[in-house]
N, C-alpha and C. Protein backbone atom coordinates (compact mmCIF):
# COMPACT_ATOMS: atom_id res chain seq x y z
N MET A 1 -7.78 0.87 -22.19
CA MET A 1 -6.82 1.77 -22.65
C MET A 1 -6.26 1.93 -24.15
N ALA A 2 -7.11 1.42 -24.87
CA ALA A 2 -6.84 1.45 -26.37
C ALA A 2 -6.65 3.09 -26.68
N GLY A 3 -5.78 3.46 -27.40
CA GLY A 3 -5.51 4.55 -28.04
C GLY A 3 -4.91 5.51 -27.02
N MET A 4 -4.38 5.27 -25.73
CA MET A 4 -4.26 5.84 -24.63
C MET A 4 -2.45 5.97 -24.75
N GLY A 5 -1.87 7.05 -25.53
CA GLY A 5 -0.59 7.21 -25.67
C GLY A 5 0.16 7.66 -24.73
N PHE A 6 1.47 7.40 -24.46
CA PHE A 6 2.46 8.40 -23.74
C PHE A 6 3.72 8.43 -24.36
N HIS A 7 4.45 9.43 -23.65
CA HIS A 7 5.90 9.60 -24.34
C HIS A 7 6.74 9.42 -23.03
N LEU A 8 7.89 8.67 -23.06
CA LEU A 8 8.81 8.56 -22.23
C LEU A 8 9.79 9.40 -22.37
N LYS A 9 10.17 10.14 -21.38
CA LYS A 9 11.42 11.20 -21.48
C LYS A 9 12.61 11.12 -20.94
N PRO A 10 13.81 11.71 -21.53
CA PRO A 10 14.82 11.62 -20.64
C PRO A 10 14.80 11.84 -18.95
N GLY A 11 15.66 11.40 -18.38
CA GLY A 11 15.56 11.49 -16.93
C GLY A 11 14.44 10.91 -16.47
N GLY A 12 13.87 10.20 -16.68
CA GLY A 12 12.99 9.08 -16.10
C GLY A 12 11.46 9.46 -15.84
N THR A 13 11.08 10.51 -16.63
CA THR A 13 9.61 10.75 -16.59
C THR A 13 8.87 10.35 -17.76
N TYR A 14 7.74 10.56 -17.53
CA TYR A 14 6.67 10.23 -18.44
C TYR A 14 5.56 11.09 -18.56
N HIS A 15 4.82 11.22 -19.85
CA HIS A 15 3.42 12.11 -20.00
C HIS A 15 2.72 11.54 -20.91
N ASP A 16 1.34 12.06 -20.92
CA ASP A 16 0.40 11.55 -21.96
C ASP A 16 0.81 12.49 -23.06
N VAL A 17 0.24 11.87 -24.45
CA VAL A 17 0.35 12.91 -25.49
C VAL A 17 0.11 14.34 -25.55
N ASP A 18 -1.21 14.76 -24.25
CA ASP A 18 -1.31 16.04 -24.22
C ASP A 18 -0.11 16.85 -23.48
N GLY A 19 0.66 16.27 -22.71
CA GLY A 19 1.69 16.89 -21.84
C GLY A 19 1.42 16.75 -20.48
N GLY A 20 0.44 16.27 -20.37
CA GLY A 20 -0.06 16.38 -18.81
C GLY A 20 -0.24 14.90 -18.34
N ARG A 21 -0.61 14.69 -17.05
CA ARG A 21 -0.77 13.41 -16.25
C ARG A 21 0.34 12.51 -16.42
N GLY A 22 1.24 12.86 -15.81
CA GLY A 22 2.74 12.07 -15.93
C GLY A 22 2.98 11.76 -14.61
N GLY A 23 4.23 11.00 -14.63
CA GLY A 23 4.95 10.80 -13.61
C GLY A 23 6.41 10.17 -13.78
N THR A 24 6.78 9.33 -13.13
CA THR A 24 8.05 8.70 -13.43
C THR A 24 8.12 7.32 -13.75
N TYR A 25 9.19 6.77 -14.43
CA TYR A 25 9.37 5.59 -14.75
C TYR A 25 10.85 5.07 -14.37
N SER A 26 10.92 3.79 -14.06
CA SER A 26 12.30 3.25 -14.03
C SER A 26 12.43 1.95 -14.88
N TYR A 27 13.69 1.88 -15.63
CA TYR A 27 13.65 0.59 -16.43
C TYR A 27 14.72 -0.40 -15.80
N ASN A 28 14.30 -1.52 -15.32
CA ASN A 28 15.31 -2.85 -14.93
C ASN A 28 15.77 -3.80 -16.03
N ALA A 29 17.03 -3.52 -16.36
CA ALA A 29 17.50 -4.34 -17.63
C ALA A 29 17.59 -6.00 -17.29
N PRO A 30 17.89 -6.43 -16.22
CA PRO A 30 17.97 -8.00 -16.24
C PRO A 30 16.59 -8.23 -16.40
N PRO A 31 15.46 -7.96 -15.38
CA PRO A 31 14.30 -8.69 -15.95
C PRO A 31 13.41 -7.98 -17.20
N SER A 32 14.11 -7.12 -17.62
CA SER A 32 13.59 -6.16 -19.07
C SER A 32 12.04 -5.84 -18.45
N ALA A 33 11.85 -5.00 -17.53
CA ALA A 33 11.06 -4.45 -16.79
C ALA A 33 10.62 -2.91 -16.69
N ILE A 34 9.68 -1.97 -17.06
CA ILE A 34 9.64 -0.88 -16.73
C ILE A 34 8.49 -0.66 -15.70
N SER A 35 8.95 0.29 -14.77
CA SER A 35 7.76 0.44 -13.65
C SER A 35 7.41 1.75 -13.43
N PHE A 36 6.18 2.04 -13.48
CA PHE A 36 5.55 3.21 -13.35
C PHE A 36 5.15 4.17 -12.03
N ARG A 37 5.35 5.19 -11.70
CA ARG A 37 5.16 5.74 -10.51
C ARG A 37 4.17 7.25 -10.81
N GLY A 38 3.04 7.48 -10.18
CA GLY A 38 2.21 8.38 -10.52
C GLY A 38 1.84 8.62 -11.73
N GLY A 39 0.67 9.58 -12.25
CA GLY A 39 0.20 9.88 -13.35
C GLY A 39 -0.83 8.70 -13.57
N PHE A 40 -1.44 8.61 -14.99
CA PHE A 40 -1.95 7.64 -15.07
C PHE A 40 -1.74 6.14 -15.35
N LEU A 41 -0.64 5.62 -15.20
CA LEU A 41 -0.05 4.49 -14.90
C LEU A 41 0.61 3.92 -13.83
N ASP A 42 0.41 4.64 -12.82
CA ASP A 42 0.76 4.61 -11.42
C ASP A 42 0.69 3.04 -11.03
N GLY A 43 1.74 2.40 -10.78
CA GLY A 43 1.62 1.11 -10.36
C GLY A 43 1.93 0.06 -11.27
N GLN A 44 1.64 0.48 -12.61
CA GLN A 44 1.85 -0.67 -13.55
C GLN A 44 3.23 -0.81 -13.79
N VAL A 45 3.25 -2.20 -14.21
CA VAL A 45 4.72 -2.64 -14.52
C VAL A 45 4.56 -3.70 -15.93
N GLY A 46 5.65 -2.89 -16.84
CA GLY A 46 5.83 -3.52 -18.06
C GLY A 46 6.82 -4.63 -18.48
N ARG A 47 6.38 -5.90 -18.97
CA ARG A 47 7.58 -6.82 -18.95
C ARG A 47 7.90 -7.11 -20.23
N ASN A 48 8.77 -7.78 -20.32
CA ASN A 48 9.34 -8.45 -21.93
C ASN A 48 9.67 -6.98 -22.74
N VAL A 49 10.22 -6.07 -22.14
CA VAL A 49 10.44 -4.81 -22.62
C VAL A 49 11.56 -4.94 -24.09
N ARG A 50 10.98 -4.49 -25.28
CA ARG A 50 11.76 -4.76 -26.46
C ARG A 50 11.58 -3.36 -27.13
N ASN A 51 12.25 -3.15 -28.30
CA ASN A 51 12.03 -2.10 -29.12
C ASN A 51 10.93 -1.90 -29.89
N THR A 52 10.26 -3.27 -29.91
CA THR A 52 9.02 -3.33 -30.54
C THR A 52 7.69 -3.06 -29.53
N GLY A 53 8.14 -2.94 -28.25
CA GLY A 53 6.95 -2.56 -27.15
C GLY A 53 7.20 -3.48 -26.05
N PHE A 54 6.42 -3.65 -25.16
CA PHE A 54 6.03 -4.36 -23.92
C PHE A 54 4.83 -4.78 -23.73
N GLN A 55 4.58 -5.45 -22.63
CA GLN A 55 3.37 -6.18 -22.16
C GLN A 55 3.09 -5.52 -20.64
N LEU A 56 1.82 -4.90 -20.57
CA LEU A 56 1.45 -4.37 -19.24
C LEU A 56 0.51 -5.58 -18.47
N SER A 57 -0.05 -6.28 -19.09
CA SER A 57 -0.86 -7.55 -18.68
C SER A 57 -0.87 -8.81 -19.96
N SER A 58 -1.71 -9.97 -19.50
CA SER A 58 -1.74 -11.04 -20.99
C SER A 58 -2.42 -10.29 -21.91
N THR A 59 -3.46 -9.37 -21.71
CA THR A 59 -3.97 -8.66 -22.69
C THR A 59 -3.95 -7.20 -23.15
N VAL A 60 -3.10 -6.59 -22.36
CA VAL A 60 -2.59 -5.29 -22.84
C VAL A 60 -1.22 -5.15 -23.32
N ASN A 61 -0.77 -4.54 -24.54
CA ASN A 61 0.33 -4.61 -24.99
C ASN A 61 0.58 -2.86 -25.53
N CYS A 62 1.95 -2.32 -25.08
CA CYS A 62 2.17 -1.15 -25.55
C CYS A 62 3.31 -1.12 -26.49
N GLU A 63 2.80 0.02 -27.55
CA GLU A 63 3.88 -0.15 -28.97
C GLU A 63 4.38 1.05 -29.13
N PRO A 64 5.54 1.32 -29.71
CA PRO A 64 6.11 2.54 -29.96
C PRO A 64 4.75 3.19 -31.09
N TRP A 65 4.68 4.35 -30.28
CA TRP A 65 4.01 5.37 -31.39
C TRP A 65 4.76 5.67 -32.61
N ARG A 66 3.65 5.52 -33.70
CA ARG A 66 4.32 5.54 -35.14
C ARG A 66 3.55 6.81 -35.83
């Protein structure tokens, strides 16, 4: 998934950097987790959400686009 960027949009939607292949997301504050439904991240759960990024698995990290 290296180089596979995405944008989180207001209202709980996300899409890839080309504006397609998106779905929805929900953020749960107490466990600090983000869950994805639909699109290319369907079923993925990011954990340890911080302003520096989050973990999708023990080997996959997501960082803010710079």
